[in-house]
């Protein structure tokens, strides 16, 4: 490590790093959910102006993207007990 921390310093700093990692993970998860919801809302609005065939195509695009999200395991934005700092 570049800082060459003493064992005592490492003991004090490690919890800070761990807490920060949890906070950043939560921020990424929440941002992903918000982006997902914004896109779905836009698609709902767009659908009102599309033909049945176009709506079907849009739904297929949504389904494909949803499948990709499941592959990345987009977690539920509601923090569970283990996500508490």
C-alpha atoms as a PDB file:
ATOM      1  CA  UNK A   1       0.000   0.000   0.000  1.00  0.00           C
ATOM      2  CA  UNK A   2       1.358   3.433  -0.904  1.00  0.00           C
ATOM      3  CA  UNK A   3       0.563   5.023   2.453  1.00  0.00           C
ATOM      4  CA  UNK A   4       2.545   2.425   4.402  1.00  0.00           C
ATOM      5  CA  UNK A   5      -0.021   2.405   7.203  1.00  0.00           C
ATOM      6  CA  UNK A   6       0.809   1.014  10.588  1.00  0.00           C
ATOM      7  CA  UNK A   7      -1.359  -1.864  11.853  1.00  0.00           C
ATOM      8  CA  UNK A   8      -3.094   0.611  14.203  1.00  0.00           C
ATOM      9  CA  UNK A   9      -3.853   3.022  11.348  1.00  0.00           C
ATOM     10  CA  UNK A  10      -5.057   0.168   9.169  1.00  0.00           C
ATOM     11  CA  UNK A  11      -7.418  -0.935  11.929  1.00  0.00           C
ATOM     12  CA  UNK A  12      -8.935   2.554  12.070  1.00  0.00           C
ATOM     13  CA  UNK A  13      -9.050   3.184   8.327  1.00  0.00           C
ATOM     14  CA  UNK A  14     -10.373  -0.214   7.136  1.00  0.00           C
ATOM     15  CA  UNK A  15     -13.900   0.366   8.521  1.00  0.00           C
ATOM     16  CA  UNK A  16     -14.009   3.731   6.729  1.00  0.00           C
ATOM     17  CA  UNK A  17     -13.095   2.062   3.438  1.00  0.00           C
ATOM     18  CA  UNK A  18     -15.655  -0.703   4.030  1.00  0.00           C
ATOM     19  CA  UNK A  19     -18.398   1.833   4.831  1.00  0.00           C
ATOM     20  CA  UNK A  20     -17.544   3.844   1.718  1.00  0.00           C
ATOM     21  CA  UNK A  21     -17.695   0.726  -0.471  1.00  0.00           C
ATOM     22  CA  UNK A  22     -21.191  -0.080   0.842  1.00  0.00           C
ATOM     23  CA  UNK A  23     -22.351   3.499   0.232  1.00  0.00           C
ATOM     24  CA  UNK A  24     -20.989   3.506  -3.338  1.00  0.00           C
ATOM     25  CA  UNK A  25     -22.603   0.145  -4.082  1.00  0.00           C
ATOM     26  CA  UNK A  26     -25.941   1.487  -2.820  1.00  0.00           C
ATOM     27  CA  UNK A  27     -25.566   4.626  -4.957  1.00  0.00           C
ATOM     28  CA  UNK A  28     -24.871   2.552  -8.094  1.00  0.00           C
ATOM     29  CA  UNK A  29     -27.871   0.318  -7.387  1.00  0.00           C
ATOM     30  CA  UNK A  30     -30.201   3.267  -6.754  1.00  0.00           C
ATOM     31  CA  UNK A  31     -29.001   5.096  -9.862  1.00  0.00           C
ATOM     32  CA  UNK A  32     -29.542   1.992 -12.002  1.00  0.00           C
ATOM     33  CA  UNK A  33     -33.115   1.667 -10.715  1.00  0.00           C
ATOM     34  CA  UNK A  34     -33.872   5.344 -11.294  1.00  0.00           C
ATOM     35  CA  UNK A  35     -32.529   5.161 -14.848  1.00  0.00           C
ATOM     36  CA  UNK A  36     -34.581   2.025 -15.482  1.00  0.00           C
ATOM     37  CA  UNK A  37     -37.753   3.712 -14.218  1.00  0.00           C
ATOM     38  CA  UNK A  38     -37.124   6.844 -16.321  1.00  0.00           C
ATOM     39  CA  UNK A  39     -36.723   4.747 -19.457  1.00  0.00           C
ATOM     40  CA  UNK A  40     -39.880   2.763 -18.724  1.00  0.00           C
ATOM     41  CA  UNK A  41     -41.811   5.996 -18.170  1.00  0.00           C
ATOM     42  CA  UNK A  42     -40.568   7.396 -21.473  1.00  0.00           C
ATOM     43  CA  UNK A  43     -41.605   4.215 -23.258  1.00  0.00           C
ATOM     44  CA  UNK A  44     -45.080   4.388 -21.720  1.00  0.00           C
ATOM     45  CA  UNK A  45     -45.458   7.971 -22.965  1.00  0.00           C
ATOM     46  CA  UNK A  46     -44.094   7.078 -26.393  1.00  0.00           C
ATOM     47  CA  UNK A  47     -46.469   4.119 -26.732  1.00  0.00           C
ATOM     48  CA  UNK A  48     -49.459   6.481 -26.830  1.00  0.00           C
ATOM     49  CA  UNK A  49     -48.162   7.820 -30.150  1.00  0.00           C
ATOM     50  CA  UNK A  50     -47.276   4.509 -31.794  1.00  0.00           C
ATOM     51  CA  UNK A  51     -49.171   2.048 -33.929  1.00  0.00           C
ATOM     52  CA  UNK A  52     -49.985  -1.390 -32.549  1.00  0.00           C
ATOM     53  CA  UNK A  53     -47.099  -2.838 -34.552  1.00  0.00           C
ATOM     54  CA  UNK A  54     -44.673  -0.204 -33.209  1.00  0.00           C
ATOM     55  CA  UNK A  55     -45.900  -0.759 -29.635  1.00  0.00           C
ATOM     56  CA  UNK A  56     -45.263  -4.475 -30.056  1.00  0.00           C
ATOM     57  CA  UNK A  57     -41.736  -3.771 -31.297  1.00  0.00           C
ATOM     58  CA  UNK A  58     -41.128  -1.371 -28.382  1.00  0.00           C
ATOM     59  CA  UNK A  59     -42.368  -4.041 -25.964  1.00  0.00           C
ATOM     60  CA  UNK A  60     -39.937  -6.529 -27.532  1.00  0.00           C
ATOM     61  CA  UNK A  61     -37.099  -4.026 -27.096  1.00  0.00           C
ATOM     62  CA  UNK A  62     -38.116  -3.538 -23.440  1.00  0.00           C
ATOM     63  CA  UNK A  63     -38.209  -7.303 -22.908  1.00  0.00           C
ATOM     64  CA  UNK A  64     -34.754  -7.712 -24.438  1.00  0.00           C
ATOM     65  CA  UNK A  65     -33.349  -4.937 -22.232  1.00  0.00           C
ATOM     66  CA  UNK A  66     -35.064  -6.394 -19.180  1.00  0.00           C
ATOM     67  CA  UNK A  67     -33.376  -9.723 -19.952  1.00  0.00           C
ATOM     68  CA  UNK A  68     -30.033  -7.966 -20.140  1.00  0.00           C
ATOM     69  CA  UNK A  69     -30.691  -6.292 -16.788  1.00  0.00           C
ATOM     70  CA  UNK A  70     -31.504  -9.647 -15.224  1.00  0.00           C
ATOM     71  CA  UNK A  71     -28.190 -10.915 -16.527  1.00  0.00           C
ATOM     72  CA  UNK A  72     -26.553  -8.130 -14.538  1.00  0.00           C
ATOM     73  CA  UNK A  73     -28.802  -8.853 -11.561  1.00  0.00           C
ATOM     74  CA  UNK A  74     -30.160  -5.372 -10.950  1.00  0.00           C
ATOM     75  CA  UNK A  75     -30.916  -5.547  -7.213  1.00  0.00           C
ATOM     76  CA  UNK A  76     -34.033  -4.282  -5.493  1.00  0.00           C
ATOM     77  CA  UNK A  77     -33.455  -0.637  -4.466  1.00  0.00           C
ATOM     78  CA  UNK A  78     -34.972  -1.283  -1.031  1.00  0.00           C
ATOM     79  CA  UNK A  79     -32.043  -1.813   1.317  1.00  0.00           C
ATOM     80  CA  UNK A  80     -32.157  -5.043   3.236  1.00  0.00           C
ATOM     81  CA  UNK A  81     -30.824  -5.590   6.737  1.00  0.00           C
ATOM     82  CA  UNK A  82     -27.402  -6.570   5.396  1.00  0.00           C
ATOM     83  CA  UNK A  83     -27.082  -3.283   3.463  1.00  0.00           C
ATOM     84  CA  UNK A  84     -27.200  -1.199   6.628  1.00  0.00           C
ATOM     85  CA  UNK A  85     -23.958   0.667   7.375  1.00  0.00           C
END
